[in-house]
């Protein structure tokens, strides 16, 4: 069974770093604010993200959810007021292939 958006939300809400790490695409870049990061660079940022104590559920909206991409937004309370954050995640290739090839490995 391929992961559902609810699985992604649960991983963020409980900060399940193992699930988040395993779900990252190993070859492609990931959006981070106004730049891009590879998988390892993104993982290096996680301690600082965790330290921000984000509430990923505040005003959360699913923007895109399909076989290749998940994207959602939420608001964060910063010192200067509310900030909107958008997270886009490319899914691992095996999840994408599973939708096109019934014999492909899925998790």
C-alpha atoms as a PDB file:
ATOM      1  CA  UNK A   1       0.000   0.000   0.000  1.00  0.00           C
ATOM      2  CA  UNK A   2       1.420   3.395  -0.884  1.00  0.00           C
ATOM      3  CA  UNK A   3       1.484   6.099   1.761  1.00  0.00           C
ATOM      4  CA  UNK A   4      -1.530   8.330   2.089  1.00  0.00           C
ATOM      5  CA  UNK A   5      -1.498  12.027   2.843  1.00  0.00           C
ATOM      6  CA  UNK A   6      -2.759  11.124   6.311  1.00  0.00           C
ATOM      7  CA  UNK A   7       0.438   9.114   6.882  1.00  0.00           C
ATOM      8  CA  UNK A   8       2.501  12.152   5.918  1.00  0.00           C
ATOM      9  CA  UNK A   9       0.516  14.396   8.250  1.00  0.00           C
ATOM     10  CA  UNK A  10       0.905  11.926  11.111  1.00  0.00           C
ATOM     11  CA  UNK A  11       4.675  11.826  10.538  1.00  0.00           C
ATOM     12  CA  UNK A  12       4.879  15.622  10.683  1.00  0.00           C
ATOM     13  CA  UNK A  13       2.505  15.928  13.642  1.00  0.00           C
ATOM     14  CA  UNK A  14       4.454  13.387  15.716  1.00  0.00           C
ATOM     15  CA  UNK A  15       7.788  14.338  14.113  1.00  0.00           C
ATOM     16  CA  UNK A  16       8.565  10.799  12.995  1.00  0.00           C
ATOM     17  CA  UNK A  17      12.021  11.396  11.505  1.00  0.00           C
ATOM     18  CA  UNK A  18      12.447   7.775  10.481  1.00  0.00           C
ATOM     19  CA  UNK A  19       9.249   7.807   8.390  1.00  0.00           C
ATOM     20  CA  UNK A  20      10.097  11.212   6.913  1.00  0.00           C
ATOM     21  CA  UNK A  21      13.622  10.079   6.025  1.00  0.00           C
ATOM     22  CA  UNK A  22      12.424   6.868   4.405  1.00  0.00           C
ATOM     23  CA  UNK A  23       9.839   8.767   2.366  1.00  0.00           C
ATOM     24  CA  UNK A  24      12.334  11.205   0.832  1.00  0.00           C
ATOM     25  CA  UNK A  25      13.324  10.632  -2.757  1.00  0.00           C
ATOM     26  CA  UNK A  26      17.046   9.735  -2.772  1.00  0.00           C
ATOM     27  CA  UNK A  27      17.916  11.304  -6.144  1.00  0.00           C
ATOM     28  CA  UNK A  28      15.920  14.488  -6.511  1.00  0.00           C
ATOM     29  CA  UNK A  29      16.078  17.903  -4.911  1.00  0.00           C
ATOM     30  CA  UNK A  30      13.559  19.198  -2.431  1.00  0.00           C
ATOM     31  CA  UNK A  31      12.210  22.701  -2.115  1.00  0.00           C
ATOM     32  CA  UNK A  32      13.161  24.561   1.041  1.00  0.00           C
ATOM     33  CA  UNK A  33      11.957  28.129   1.292  1.00  0.00           C
ATOM     34  CA  UNK A  34      13.403  29.774  -1.822  1.00  0.00           C
ATOM     35  CA  UNK A  35      16.165  27.280  -2.503  1.00  0.00           C
ATOM     36  CA  UNK A  36      16.630  23.610  -3.160  1.00  0.00           C
ATOM     37  CA  UNK A  37      18.264  20.958  -1.041  1.00  0.00           C
ATOM     38  CA  UNK A  38      19.284  17.411  -1.742  1.00  0.00           C
ATOM     39  CA  UNK A  39      18.087  14.653   0.562  1.00  0.00           C
ATOM     40  CA  UNK A  40      21.050  14.847   2.968  1.00  0.00           C
ATOM     41  CA  UNK A  41      20.951  18.643   3.183  1.00  0.00           C
ATOM     42  CA  UNK A  42      17.256  18.513   4.024  1.00  0.00           C
ATOM     43  CA  UNK A  43      17.808  15.926   6.762  1.00  0.00           C
ATOM     44  CA  UNK A  44      20.536  18.164   8.246  1.00  0.00           C
ATOM     45  CA  UNK A  45      17.940  20.935   8.646  1.00  0.00           C
ATOM     46  CA  UNK A  46      15.519  18.804  10.661  1.00  0.00           C
ATOM     47  CA  UNK A  47      16.960  19.559  14.135  1.00  0.00           C
ATOM     48  CA  UNK A  48      16.358  23.272  13.526  1.00  0.00           C
ATOM     49  CA  UNK A  49      12.867  22.581  12.158  1.00  0.00           C
ATOM     50  CA  UNK A  50      12.103  20.489  15.217  1.00  0.00           C
ATOM     51  CA  UNK A  51      13.442  23.261  17.496  1.00  0.00           C
ATOM     52  CA  UNK A  52      10.966  25.722  15.943  1.00  0.00           C
ATOM     53  CA  UNK A  53       8.182  23.656  17.506  1.00  0.00           C
ATOM     54  CA  UNK A  54       5.930  24.100  14.472  1.00  0.00           C
ATOM     55  CA  UNK A  55       2.273  23.237  14.673  1.00  0.00           C
ATOM     56  CA  UNK A  56       1.862  21.591  11.273  1.00  0.00           C
ATOM     57  CA  UNK A  57      -1.902  21.348  11.814  1.00  0.00           C
ATOM     58  CA  UNK A  58      -2.638  25.092  12.016  1.00  0.00           C
ATOM     59  CA  UNK A  59      -4.688  26.088   8.947  1.00  0.00           C
ATOM     60  CA  UNK A  60      -3.358  22.999   7.104  1.00  0.00           C
ATOM     61  CA  UNK A  61      -4.524  22.659   3.510  1.00  0.00           C
ATOM     62  CA  UNK A  62      -3.721  19.827   1.096  1.00  0.00           C
ATOM     63  CA  UNK A  63      -2.655  21.534  -2.132  1.00  0.00           C
ATOM     64  CA  UNK A  64      -1.603  18.539  -4.229  1.00  0.00           C
ATOM     65  CA  UNK A  65      -1.759  14.839  -3.580  1.00  0.00           C
ATOM     66  CA  UNK A  66      -1.095  12.428  -6.411  1.00  0.00           C
ATOM     67  CA  UNK A  67       1.179   9.525  -7.290  1.00  0.00           C
ATOM     68  CA  UNK A  68       4.260  11.713  -7.667  1.00  0.00           C
ATOM     69  CA  UNK A  69       3.888  14.689  -5.378  1.00  0.00           C
ATOM     70  CA  UNK A  70       2.391  15.786  -2.082  1.00  0.00           C
ATOM     71  CA  UNK A  71       2.103  19.441  -1.145  1.00  0.00           C
ATOM     72  CA  UNK A  72       0.448  21.096   1.801  1.00  0.00           C
ATOM     73  CA  UNK A  73       0.489  24.457   3.515  1.00  0.00           C
ATOM     74  CA  UNK A  74       0.081  25.568   7.111  1.00  0.00           C
ATOM     75  CA  UNK A  75       0.566  28.752   9.117  1.00  0.00           C
ATOM     76  CA  UNK A  76       3.331  29.254  11.649  1.00  0.00           C
ATOM     77  CA  UNK A  77       3.299  31.747  14.492  1.00  0.00           C
ATOM     78  CA  UNK A  78       6.533  33.720  14.207  1.00  0.00           C
ATOM     79  CA  UNK A  79       7.777  36.675  16.243  1.00  0.00           C
ATOM     80  CA  UNK A  80       6.536  38.981  13.488  1.00  0.00           C
ATOM     81  CA  UNK A  81       3.110  37.342  13.204  1.00  0.00           C
ATOM     82  CA  UNK A  82       1.605  34.527  11.153  1.00  0.00           C
ATOM     83  CA  UNK A  83       3.686  33.081   8.316  1.00  0.00           C
ATOM     84  CA  UNK A  84       2.398  30.702   5.670  1.00  0.00           C
ATOM     85  CA  UNK A  85       4.625  27.696   4.920  1.00  0.00           C
ATOM     86  CA  UNK A  86       4.246  25.332   1.984  1.00  0.00           C
ATOM     87  CA  UNK A  87       5.881  21.895   1.923  1.00  0.00           C
ATOM     88  CA  UNK A  88       6.288  19.982  -1.353  1.00  0.00           C
ATOM     89  CA  UNK A  89       7.526  16.406  -1.277  1.00  0.00           C
ATOM     90  CA  UNK A  90       8.422  14.196  -4.214  1.00  0.00           C
ATOM     91  CA  UNK A  91       7.521  10.614  -3.464  1.00  0.00           C
ATOM     92  CA  UNK A  92       9.958   7.769  -3.742  1.00  0.00           C
ATOM     93  CA  UNK A  93      10.135   6.236  -7.188  1.00  0.00           C
ATOM     94  CA  UNK A  94       8.804   2.868  -6.068  1.00  0.00           C
ATOM     95  CA  UNK A  95       5.559   4.541  -4.994  1.00  0.00           C
ATOM     96  CA  UNK A  96       5.220   6.196  -8.391  1.00  0.00           C
ATOM     97  CA  UNK A  97       5.967   2.979 -10.248  1.00  0.00           C
ATOM     98  CA  UNK A  98       3.429   1.080  -8.200  1.00  0.00           C
ATOM     99  CA  UNK A  99       0.666   3.134  -9.754  1.00  0.00           C
ATOM    100  CA  UNK A 100       1.766   2.188 -13.252  1.00  0.00           C
ATOM    101  CA  UNK A 101       3.038  -1.342 -12.793  1.00  0.00           C
ATOM    102  CA  UNK A 102       1.041  -3.693 -10.562  1.00  0.00           C
ATOM    103  CA  UNK A 103       4.151  -5.871 -10.096  1.00  0.00           C
ATOM    104  CA  UNK A 104       6.252  -2.995  -8.717  1.00  0.00           C
ATOM    105  CA  UNK A 105       7.265  -3.157  -5.073  1.00  0.00           C
ATOM    106  CA  UNK A 106       5.185  -1.110  -2.721  1.00  0.00           C
ATOM    107  CA  UNK A 107       5.403  -0.502   0.956  1.00  0.00           C
END
